[in-house]
Amino acid sequence: KEGDCKVTFSVEIPEDVATKAAYMSDGTTVNDLVYEVYVGDEVMYEGYVGLSGTRQFSLELNLVTGQTYDLLFWAQKKGPNNDHNYYYNTNSLKNVHANYWNERKFANDENRDAFYGARIGFKATGIATSETVKLYRPFAQINFGSSPTDWEKAQPFIKNGGLKSQVVMTSIPTAFNV
């Protein structure tokens, strides 16, 4: 349904997403914004916006004056063949699922970097508006070491068969409600 109020949402991944362990993922591989716009529990708009080279997406919507909306955002890397559901099933942002395909996946896989944000209770005023929504990581990040040089210092021990460690996690959630 076309509205009468043009609203531009600037959806951005903050510059400081990297932790002090600077060699970890920094959000630069993200190139796909999935969005859903709700009135109550009903999806009114949904879609994708592409990104290349920056940490910011721009989404322009025509909304109905006086109506209140909830907007959900999920930024990720598209899979092969521009597949929006390759790394995460994003058919509903109220129930995003990680796709692990029963394969071993590594925690530092840049392709799994993802961010979320929501703007709840946005009321269209009838005046052209722009608003910024910041995105955040939906997952915890575990770092072994506190600086990039820790990895370099460990290499001689790793090559000689030492310093092996393993972390086993169970009952890990695979779904996320933006």
N, C-alpha and C. Protein backbone atom coordinates (compact mmCIF):
# COMPACT_ATOMS: atom_id res chain seq x y z
N LYS A 1 0.86 -1.18 0.00
CA LYS A 1 0.00 0.00 0.00
C LYS A 1 0.90 1.23 0.00
N GLU A 2 0.69 2.11 -0.93
CA GLU A 2 1.49 3.32 -1.04
C GLU A 2 1.03 4.35 -0.01
N GLY A 3 1.99 4.98 0.63
CA GLY A 3 1.68 6.01 1.62
C GLY A 3 1.89 7.39 1.05
N ASP A 4 1.65 8.40 1.87
CA ASP A 4 1.77 9.79 1.44
C ASP A 4 2.91 10.52 2.13
N CYS A 5 3.71 9.82 2.90
CA CYS A 5 4.78 10.44 3.67
C CYS A 5 6.10 9.75 3.35
N LYS A 6 7.04 10.49 2.75
CA LYS A 6 8.33 9.90 2.38
C LYS A 6 9.26 9.93 3.59
N VAL A 7 9.77 8.75 3.95
CA VAL A 7 10.68 8.62 5.08
C VAL A 7 11.93 7.89 4.60
N THR A 8 13.09 8.45 4.91
CA THR A 8 14.36 7.82 4.56
C THR A 8 15.04 7.35 5.83
N PHE A 9 15.34 6.07 5.87
CA PHE A 9 16.07 5.49 7.00
C PHE A 9 17.50 5.25 6.56
N SER A 10 18.42 5.83 7.30
CA SER A 10 19.85 5.59 7.10
C SER A 10 20.23 4.54 8.12
N VAL A 11 20.53 3.35 7.65
CA VAL A 11 20.82 2.22 8.52
C VAL A 11 22.31 1.98 8.45
N GLU A 12 22.99 2.08 9.60
CA GLU A 12 24.45 2.03 9.56
C GLU A 12 25.06 1.09 10.59
N ILE A 13 26.17 0.50 10.18
CA ILE A 13 27.00 -0.30 11.06
C ILE A 13 28.02 0.66 11.65
N PRO A 14 28.06 0.82 12.96
CA PRO A 14 28.99 1.77 13.57
C PRO A 14 30.45 1.43 13.24
N GLU A 15 31.28 2.45 13.19
CA GLU A 15 32.71 2.27 12.90
C GLU A 15 33.41 1.44 13.95
N ASP A 16 32.92 1.46 15.19
CA ASP A 16 33.63 0.81 16.28
C ASP A 16 33.13 -0.61 16.56
N VAL A 17 32.67 -1.34 15.51
CA VAL A 17 32.17 -2.68 15.75
C VAL A 17 33.29 -3.66 16.08
N ALA A 18 34.50 -3.39 15.64
CA ALA A 18 35.60 -4.30 15.93
C ALA A 18 35.98 -4.17 17.40
N THR A 19 36.39 -5.28 17.99
CA THR A 19 36.82 -5.25 19.37
C THR A 19 38.29 -4.84 19.41
N LYS A 20 38.88 -4.82 20.62
CA LYS A 20 40.30 -4.47 20.69
C LYS A 20 41.16 -5.54 20.03
N ALA A 21 40.61 -6.71 19.78
CA ALA A 21 41.31 -7.72 19.00
C ALA A 21 41.05 -7.40 17.54
N ALA A 22 41.84 -6.51 16.98
CA ALA A 22 41.57 -5.89 15.69
C ALA A 22 41.54 -6.87 14.52
N TYR A 23 42.05 -8.07 14.71
CA TYR A 23 42.06 -9.01 13.60
C TYR A 23 40.72 -9.72 13.43
N MET A 24 39.77 -9.46 14.30
CA MET A 24 38.46 -10.10 14.19
C MET A 24 37.62 -9.36 13.14
N SER A 25 36.49 -9.93 12.80
CA SER A 25 35.64 -9.36 11.75
C SER A 25 35.21 -7.94 12.12
N ASP A 26 35.11 -7.11 11.11
CA ASP A 26 34.82 -5.69 11.35
C ASP A 26 33.58 -5.19 10.61
N GLY A 27 32.83 -6.08 10.02
CA GLY A 27 31.60 -5.67 9.36
C GLY A 27 31.76 -5.24 7.92
N THR A 28 32.97 -5.29 7.38
CA THR A 28 33.18 -4.79 6.03
C THR A 28 32.73 -5.77 4.94
N THR A 29 32.43 -7.02 5.28
CA THR A 29 31.97 -7.97 4.26
C THR A 29 30.45 -7.90 4.06
N VAL A 30 29.75 -7.20 4.95
CA VAL A 30 28.29 -7.11 4.88
C VAL A 30 27.89 -6.34 3.63
N ASN A 31 26.95 -6.91 2.85
CA ASN A 31 26.54 -6.25 1.60
C ASN A 31 25.04 -6.36 1.32
N ASP A 32 24.25 -6.75 2.32
CA ASP A 32 22.84 -7.02 2.10
C ASP A 32 22.04 -6.60 3.33
N LEU A 33 21.06 -5.73 3.14
CA LEU A 33 20.17 -5.33 4.22
C LEU A 33 18.80 -5.94 3.96
N VAL A 34 18.32 -6.73 4.92
CA VAL A 34 16.98 -7.31 4.86
C VAL A 34 16.12 -6.45 5.79
N TYR A 35 14.93 -6.06 5.35
CA TYR A 35 14.07 -5.25 6.23
C TYR A 35 12.63 -5.73 6.17
N GLU A 36 11.93 -5.49 7.28
CA GLU A 36 10.50 -5.73 7.37
C GLU A 36 9.87 -4.55 8.10
N VAL A 37 8.72 -4.12 7.62
CA VAL A 37 7.98 -3.02 8.23
C VAL A 37 6.62 -3.56 8.64
N TYR A 38 6.31 -3.43 9.93
CA TYR A 38 5.08 -3.98 10.50
C TYR A 38 4.13 -2.87 10.93
N VAL A 39 2.84 -3.16 10.81
CA VAL A 39 1.79 -2.43 11.49
C VAL A 39 1.12 -3.50 12.35
N GLY A 40 1.30 -3.39 13.66
CA GLY A 40 0.87 -4.47 14.55
C GLY A 40 1.68 -5.72 14.24
N ASP A 41 1.00 -6.83 13.99
CA ASP A 41 1.69 -8.09 13.66
C ASP A 41 1.74 -8.36 12.17
N GLU A 42 1.22 -7.43 11.37
CA GLU A 42 1.15 -7.64 9.92
C GLU A 42 2.32 -6.96 9.20
N VAL A 43 3.00 -7.71 8.33
CA VAL A 43 4.08 -7.16 7.52
C VAL A 43 3.47 -6.32 6.41
N MET A 44 3.83 -5.03 6.37
CA MET A 44 3.32 -4.13 5.34
C MET A 44 4.29 -3.99 4.17
N TYR A 45 5.59 -3.97 4.50
CA TYR A 45 6.65 -3.87 3.50
C TYR A 45 7.75 -4.83 3.90
N GLU A 46 8.46 -5.36 2.91
CA GLU A 46 9.65 -6.16 3.17
C GLU A 46 10.51 -6.12 1.93
N GLY A 47 11.80 -6.36 2.12
CA GLY A 47 12.67 -6.34 0.96
C GLY A 47 14.13 -6.37 1.32
N TYR A 48 14.94 -6.05 0.31
CA TYR A 48 16.40 -6.09 0.43
C TYR A 48 16.98 -4.82 -0.18
N VAL A 49 18.07 -4.36 0.41
CA VAL A 49 18.82 -3.23 -0.12
C VAL A 49 20.27 -3.66 -0.19
N GLY A 50 20.91 -3.44 -1.32
CA GLY A 50 22.32 -3.81 -1.47
C GLY A 50 23.25 -2.75 -0.94
N LEU A 51 24.45 -3.16 -0.65
CA LEU A 51 25.48 -2.27 -0.10
C LEU A 51 26.79 -2.62 -0.78
N SER A 52 27.58 -1.61 -1.06
CA SER A 52 28.92 -1.91 -1.54
C SER A 52 29.87 -0.82 -1.09
N GLY A 53 30.85 -1.24 -0.32
CA GLY A 53 31.95 -0.36 0.03
C GLY A 53 31.79 0.55 1.23
N THR A 54 30.62 0.65 1.82
CA THR A 54 30.46 1.50 2.99
C THR A 54 29.77 0.71 4.09
N ARG A 55 29.56 1.33 5.21
CA ARG A 55 28.85 0.68 6.32
C ARG A 55 27.45 1.23 6.46
N GLN A 56 26.88 1.76 5.38
CA GLN A 56 25.59 2.43 5.49
C GLN A 56 24.66 2.02 4.35
N PHE A 57 23.42 1.76 4.70
CA PHE A 57 22.36 1.46 3.75
C PHE A 57 21.36 2.61 3.80
N SER A 58 20.71 2.88 2.69
CA SER A 58 19.67 3.90 2.68
C SER A 58 18.38 3.25 2.18
N LEU A 59 17.33 3.40 2.96
CA LEU A 59 16.04 2.82 2.64
C LEU A 59 15.01 3.94 2.62
N GLU A 60 14.32 4.10 1.49
CA GLU A 60 13.30 5.13 1.36
C GLU A 60 11.93 4.47 1.25
N LEU A 61 11.01 4.87 2.13
CA LEU A 61 9.67 4.30 2.16
C LEU A 61 8.62 5.40 2.09
N ASN A 62 7.48 5.09 1.49
CA ASN A 62 6.32 5.96 1.53
C ASN A 62 5.35 5.37 2.55
N LEU A 63 5.18 6.08 3.66
CA LEU A 63 4.35 5.58 4.75
C LEU A 63 3.08 6.42 4.89
N VAL A 64 2.07 5.83 5.49
CA VAL A 64 0.77 6.50 5.65
C VAL A 64 0.83 7.43 6.86
N THR A 65 0.48 8.69 6.65
CA THR A 65 0.48 9.68 7.73
C THR A 65 -0.42 9.24 8.88
N GLY A 66 0.11 9.36 10.10
CA GLY A 66 -0.64 9.02 11.29
C GLY A 66 -0.51 7.56 11.71
N GLN A 67 0.01 6.72 10.83
CA GLN A 67 0.16 5.29 11.14
C GLN A 67 1.47 5.06 11.91
N THR A 68 1.46 4.12 12.85
CA THR A 68 2.65 3.77 13.62
C THR A 68 3.21 2.45 13.10
N TYR A 69 4.52 2.42 12.90
CA TYR A 69 5.20 1.28 12.30
C TYR A 69 6.32 0.76 13.22
N ASP A 70 6.60 -0.53 13.10
CA ASP A 70 7.78 -1.15 13.68
C ASP A 70 8.64 -1.63 12.51
N LEU A 71 9.90 -1.23 12.52
CA LEU A 71 10.81 -1.58 11.44
C LEU A 71 11.93 -2.47 11.98
N LEU A 72 12.19 -3.58 11.30
CA LEU A 72 13.25 -4.51 11.68
C LEU A 72 14.29 -4.55 10.57
N PHE A 73 15.56 -4.60 10.96
CA PHE A 73 16.66 -4.59 10.00
C PHE A 73 17.66 -5.69 10.33
N TRP A 74 18.17 -6.36 9.31
CA TRP A 74 19.19 -7.39 9.45
C TRP A 74 20.20 -7.20 8.32
N ALA A 75 21.46 -6.94 8.65
CA ALA A 75 22.50 -6.77 7.63
C ALA A 75 23.41 -7.99 7.66
N GLN A 76 23.77 -8.47 6.49
CA GLN A 76 24.54 -9.69 6.36
C GLN A 76 25.29 -9.70 5.03
N LYS A 77 26.04 -10.76 4.81
CA LYS A 77 26.67 -10.97 3.51
C LYS A 77 25.76 -11.92 2.72
N LYS A 78 25.50 -11.57 1.47
CA LYS A 78 24.74 -12.46 0.61
C LYS A 78 25.58 -13.69 0.30
N GLY A 79 24.91 -14.80 0.07
CA GLY A 79 25.60 -16.03 -0.29
C GLY A 79 25.85 -16.09 -1.79
N PRO A 80 26.38 -17.22 -2.23
CA PRO A 80 26.59 -17.41 -3.68
C PRO A 80 25.29 -17.20 -4.44
N ASN A 81 25.39 -16.72 -5.65
CA ASN A 81 24.23 -16.44 -6.51
C ASN A 81 23.25 -15.46 -5.88
N ASN A 82 23.78 -14.50 -5.09
CA ASN A 82 22.96 -13.47 -4.44
C ASN A 82 21.87 -14.05 -3.55
N ASP A 83 22.13 -15.17 -2.92
CA ASP A 83 21.17 -15.85 -2.05
C ASP A 83 21.08 -15.11 -0.71
N HIS A 84 19.89 -14.55 -0.42
CA HIS A 84 19.67 -13.81 0.83
C HIS A 84 19.53 -14.75 2.03
N ASN A 85 19.32 -16.03 1.79
CA ASN A 85 19.10 -16.99 2.87
C ASN A 85 20.21 -18.04 2.95
N TYR A 86 21.39 -17.72 2.48
CA TYR A 86 22.47 -18.70 2.45
C TYR A 86 23.10 -18.93 3.83
N TYR A 87 23.52 -17.87 4.49
CA TYR A 87 24.15 -18.00 5.82
C TYR A 87 23.11 -17.97 6.94
N TYR A 88 22.05 -17.21 6.72
CA TYR A 88 20.97 -17.10 7.70
C TYR A 88 19.65 -17.17 6.95
N ASN A 89 18.67 -17.86 7.53
CA ASN A 89 17.34 -17.87 6.96
C ASN A 89 16.64 -16.61 7.46
N THR A 90 16.38 -15.68 6.56
CA THR A 90 15.80 -14.39 6.91
C THR A 90 14.38 -14.24 6.35
N ASN A 91 13.68 -15.36 6.17
CA ASN A 91 12.30 -15.27 5.67
C ASN A 91 11.40 -14.53 6.63
N SER A 92 11.76 -14.50 7.92
CA SER A 92 11.06 -13.70 8.92
C SER A 92 12.10 -13.15 9.88
N LEU A 93 12.17 -11.83 10.01
CA LEU A 93 13.15 -11.24 10.92
C LEU A 93 12.75 -11.43 12.38
N LYS A 94 11.55 -11.93 12.61
CA LYS A 94 11.17 -12.29 13.98
C LYS A 94 11.66 -13.68 14.34
N ASN A 95 12.29 -14.35 13.37
CA ASN A 95 12.78 -15.71 13.60
C ASN A 95 13.92 -16.03 12.63
N VAL A 96 15.03 -15.30 12.74
CA VAL A 96 16.20 -15.52 11.90
C VAL A 96 16.91 -16.78 12.40
N HIS A 97 17.27 -17.67 11.48
CA HIS A 97 17.96 -18.92 11.84
C HIS A 97 19.32 -18.97 11.18
N ALA A 98 20.31 -19.43 11.92
CA ALA A 98 21.63 -19.69 11.36
C ALA A 98 21.56 -20.98 10.54
N ASN A 99 22.14 -20.96 9.36
CA ASN A 99 22.20 -22.16 8.51
C ASN A 99 23.58 -22.79 8.66
N TYR A 100 23.65 -23.89 9.37
CA TYR A 100 24.93 -24.56 9.57
C TYR A 100 25.07 -25.82 8.73
N TRP A 101 24.04 -26.32 8.16
CA TRP A 101 24.06 -27.47 7.26
C TRP A 101 24.83 -28.66 7.80
N ASN A 102 24.87 -28.80 9.11
CA ASN A 102 25.56 -29.92 9.75
C ASN A 102 27.03 -30.02 9.34
N GLU A 103 27.63 -28.92 8.93
CA GLU A 103 29.06 -28.88 8.63
C GLU A 103 29.78 -28.20 9.78
N ARG A 104 31.04 -28.45 9.88
CA ARG A 104 31.84 -27.74 10.87
C ARG A 104 32.06 -26.32 10.34
N LYS A 105 31.75 -25.34 11.16
CA LYS A 105 31.94 -23.94 10.79
C LYS A 105 32.87 -23.29 11.80
N PHE A 106 33.67 -22.38 11.32
CA PHE A 106 34.63 -21.71 12.18
C PHE A 106 34.06 -20.39 12.68
N ALA A 107 34.37 -20.07 13.92
CA ALA A 107 33.83 -18.87 14.55
C ALA A 107 34.30 -17.60 13.86
N ASN A 108 35.45 -17.63 13.22
CA ASN A 108 35.97 -16.41 12.61
C ASN A 108 35.65 -16.33 11.11
N ASP A 109 34.61 -16.99 10.66
CA ASP A 109 34.20 -16.95 9.27
C ASP A 109 33.56 -15.58 8.98
N GLU A 110 34.28 -14.76 8.24
CA GLU A 110 33.81 -13.40 7.92
C GLU A 110 32.45 -13.40 7.22
N ASN A 111 32.15 -14.46 6.50
CA ASN A 111 30.89 -14.52 5.78
C ASN A 111 29.68 -14.59 6.71
N ARG A 112 29.89 -14.92 7.97
CA ARG A 112 28.79 -15.03 8.93
C ARG A 112 28.60 -13.76 9.74
N ASP A 113 29.35 -12.71 9.41
CA ASP A 113 29.18 -11.45 10.12
C ASP A 113 27.76 -10.94 9.87
N ALA A 114 27.09 -10.49 10.92
CA ALA A 114 25.71 -10.02 10.78
C ALA A 114 25.44 -8.95 11.83
N PHE A 115 24.44 -8.12 11.56
CA PHE A 115 24.07 -7.01 12.44
C PHE A 115 22.57 -6.84 12.40
N TYR A 116 22.01 -6.32 13.48
CA TYR A 116 20.56 -6.12 13.54
C TYR A 116 20.25 -4.77 14.15
N GLY A 117 19.03 -4.31 13.89
CA GLY A 117 18.53 -3.09 14.52
C GLY A 117 17.02 -3.06 14.37
N ALA A 118 16.39 -2.26 15.19
CA ALA A 118 14.93 -2.12 15.12
C ALA A 118 14.56 -0.68 15.43
N ARG A 119 13.51 -0.21 14.81
CA ARG A 119 12.93 1.09 15.14
C ARG A 119 11.46 0.80 15.44
N ILE A 120 11.15 0.76 16.71
CA ILE A 120 9.82 0.38 17.16
C ILE A 120 9.01 1.65 17.45
N GLY A 121 7.76 1.66 17.01
CA GLY A 121 6.86 2.78 17.30
C GLY A 121 7.13 4.03 16.50
N PHE A 122 7.58 3.90 15.24
CA PHE A 122 7.81 5.07 14.39
C PHE A 122 6.46 5.54 13.85
N LYS A 123 6.12 6.79 14.12
CA LYS A 123 4.85 7.34 13.64
C LYS A 123 5.11 8.28 12.46
N ALA A 124 4.48 7.99 11.33
CA ALA A 124 4.60 8.83 10.14
C ALA A 124 3.82 10.12 10.38
N THR A 125 4.49 11.26 10.18
CA THR A 125 3.89 12.56 10.51
C THR A 125 3.31 13.30 9.32
N GLY A 126 3.59 12.83 8.12
CA GLY A 126 3.13 13.55 6.94
C GLY A 126 4.18 14.50 6.41
N ILE A 127 5.29 14.63 7.11
CA ILE A 127 6.40 15.49 6.69
C ILE A 127 7.55 14.59 6.27
N ALA A 128 8.17 14.91 5.15
CA ALA A 128 9.34 14.13 4.71
C ALA A 128 10.37 14.12 5.83
N THR A 129 10.83 12.94 6.20
CA THR A 129 11.69 12.76 7.37
C THR A 129 12.85 11.85 7.02
N SER A 130 13.95 12.03 7.75
CA SER A 130 15.03 11.04 7.67
C SER A 130 15.45 10.71 9.09
N GLU A 131 15.83 9.46 9.27
CA GLU A 131 16.18 8.97 10.59
C GLU A 131 17.31 7.95 10.45
N THR A 132 18.21 7.94 11.44
CA THR A 132 19.32 7.00 11.45
C THR A 132 19.03 5.87 12.43
N VAL A 133 19.29 4.64 11.99
CA VAL A 133 19.16 3.46 12.84
C VAL A 133 20.52 2.78 12.89
N LYS A 134 21.06 2.61 14.09
CA LYS A 134 22.35 1.93 14.26
C LYS A 134 22.12 0.44 14.43
N LEU A 135 23.02 -0.34 13.84
CA LEU A 135 22.95 -1.79 13.92
C LEU A 135 23.96 -2.32 14.92
N TYR A 136 23.65 -3.47 15.49
CA TYR A 136 24.50 -4.10 16.51
C TYR A 136 24.68 -5.57 16.19
N ARG A 137 25.72 -6.17 16.75
CA ARG A 137 25.95 -7.59 16.56
C ARG A 137 24.93 -8.40 17.36
N PRO A 138 24.35 -9.43 16.75
CA PRO A 138 23.39 -10.25 17.48
C PRO A 138 24.06 -11.38 18.27
N PHE A 139 25.35 -11.60 18.05
CA PHE A 139 26.02 -12.74 18.64
C PHE A 139 27.19 -12.30 19.51
N ALA A 140 27.52 -13.13 20.46
CA ALA A 140 28.71 -12.89 21.29
C ALA A 140 29.95 -13.23 20.48
N GLN A 141 31.06 -12.66 20.86
CA GLN A 141 32.33 -12.93 20.21
C GLN A 141 33.32 -13.36 21.28
N ILE A 142 33.96 -14.49 21.06
CA ILE A 142 34.94 -14.99 22.02
C ILE A 142 36.32 -14.78 21.43
N ASN A 143 37.17 -14.10 22.15
CA ASN A 143 38.55 -13.86 21.71
C ASN A 143 39.51 -14.60 22.63
N PHE A 144 40.43 -15.34 22.05
CA PHE A 144 41.49 -15.98 22.82
C PHE A 144 42.73 -15.14 22.61
N GLY A 145 43.04 -14.30 23.57
CA GLY A 145 44.14 -13.34 23.43
C GLY A 145 43.57 -11.95 23.48
N SER A 146 44.43 -10.99 23.70
CA SER A 146 43.92 -9.63 23.82
C SER A 146 44.47 -8.68 22.76
N SER A 147 45.36 -9.18 21.90
CA SER A 147 45.88 -8.31 20.84
C SER A 147 46.30 -9.17 19.65
N PRO A 148 46.42 -8.56 18.47
CA PRO A 148 46.86 -9.32 17.30
C PRO A 148 48.24 -9.95 17.50
N THR A 149 49.07 -9.36 18.31
CA THR A 149 50.41 -9.93 18.51
C THR A 149 50.36 -11.22 19.32
N ASP A 150 49.29 -11.44 20.09
CA ASP A 150 49.16 -12.71 20.81
C ASP A 150 49.15 -13.88 19.83
N TRP A 151 48.47 -13.72 18.72
CA TRP A 151 48.42 -14.77 17.70
C TRP A 151 49.82 -15.01 17.14
N GLU A 152 50.53 -13.95 16.83
CA GLU A 152 51.89 -14.09 16.29
C GLU A 152 52.81 -14.77 17.29
N LYS A 153 52.72 -14.42 18.56
CA LYS A 153 53.55 -15.02 19.59
C LYS A 153 53.26 -16.51 19.76
N ALA A 154 52.05 -16.94 19.51
CA ALA A 154 51.67 -18.34 19.69
C ALA A 154 52.09 -19.24 18.53
N GLN A 155 52.40 -18.66 17.37
CA GLN A 155 52.68 -19.47 16.18
C GLN A 155 53.81 -20.49 16.37
N PRO A 156 54.95 -20.16 16.98
CA PRO A 156 56.00 -21.19 17.14
C PRO A 156 55.53 -22.38 17.97
N PHE A 157 54.69 -22.15 18.97
CA PHE A 157 54.19 -23.23 19.79
C PHE A 157 53.17 -24.07 19.04
N ILE A 158 52.35 -23.42 18.24
CA ILE A 158 51.34 -24.13 17.46
C ILE A 158 52.02 -25.04 16.44
N LYS A 159 53.07 -24.53 15.78
CA LYS A 159 53.79 -25.32 14.78
C LYS A 159 54.46 -26.53 15.39
N ASN A 160 54.84 -26.47 16.66
CA ASN A 160 55.49 -27.59 17.34
C ASN A 160 54.49 -28.49 18.04
N GLY A 161 53.21 -28.33 17.78
CA GLY A 161 52.20 -29.22 18.33
C GLY A 161 51.66 -28.83 19.69
N GLY A 162 52.09 -27.72 20.23
CA GLY A 162 51.61 -27.29 21.54
C GLY A 162 50.50 -26.28 21.43
N LEU A 163 50.02 -25.82 22.55
CA LEU A 163 48.98 -24.79 22.65
C LEU A 163 47.69 -25.15 21.92
N LYS A 164 47.36 -26.41 21.90
CA LYS A 164 46.09 -26.78 21.29
C LYS A 164 44.99 -26.61 22.32
N SER A 165 43.90 -26.09 21.90
CA SER A 165 42.76 -25.95 22.80
C SER A 165 41.50 -26.20 22.02
N GLN A 166 40.47 -26.52 22.74
CA GLN A 166 39.19 -26.77 22.11
C GLN A 166 38.10 -26.26 23.04
N VAL A 167 37.12 -25.63 22.46
CA VAL A 167 35.97 -25.17 23.22
C VAL A 167 34.76 -25.90 22.66
N VAL A 168 34.02 -26.54 23.53
CA VAL A 168 32.81 -27.23 23.12
C VAL A 168 31.64 -26.51 23.78
N MET A 169 30.71 -26.08 22.95
CA MET A 169 29.52 -25.39 23.46
C MET A 169 28.30 -26.23 23.11
N THR A 170 27.39 -26.33 24.05
CA THR A 170 26.17 -27.09 23.81
C THR A 170 24.96 -26.19 24.04
N SER A 171 23.85 -26.62 23.53
CA SER A 171 22.58 -25.89 23.66
C SER A 171 22.70 -24.45 23.18
N ILE A 172 23.37 -24.26 22.06
CA ILE A 172 23.56 -22.93 21.49
C ILE A 172 22.32 -22.55 20.69
N PRO A 173 21.74 -21.40 20.96
CA PRO A 173 20.58 -20.97 20.19
C PRO A 173 20.96 -20.78 18.71
N THR A 174 20.07 -21.16 17.84
CA THR A 174 20.30 -20.97 16.40
C THR A 174 19.28 -20.02 15.80
N ALA A 175 18.45 -19.41 16.63
CA ALA A 175 17.44 -18.48 16.13
C ALA A 175 17.56 -17.16 16.88
N PHE A 176 17.15 -16.08 16.20
CA PHE A 176 17.25 -14.74 16.77
C PHE A 176 16.03 -13.93 16.34
N ASN A 177 15.38 -13.26 17.28
CA ASN A 177 14.23 -12.40 17.00
C ASN A 177 14.71 -10.96 17.01
N VAL A 178 14.83 -10.37 15.80
CA VAL A 178 15.27 -8.98 15.69
C VAL A 178 14.36 -8.07 16.48
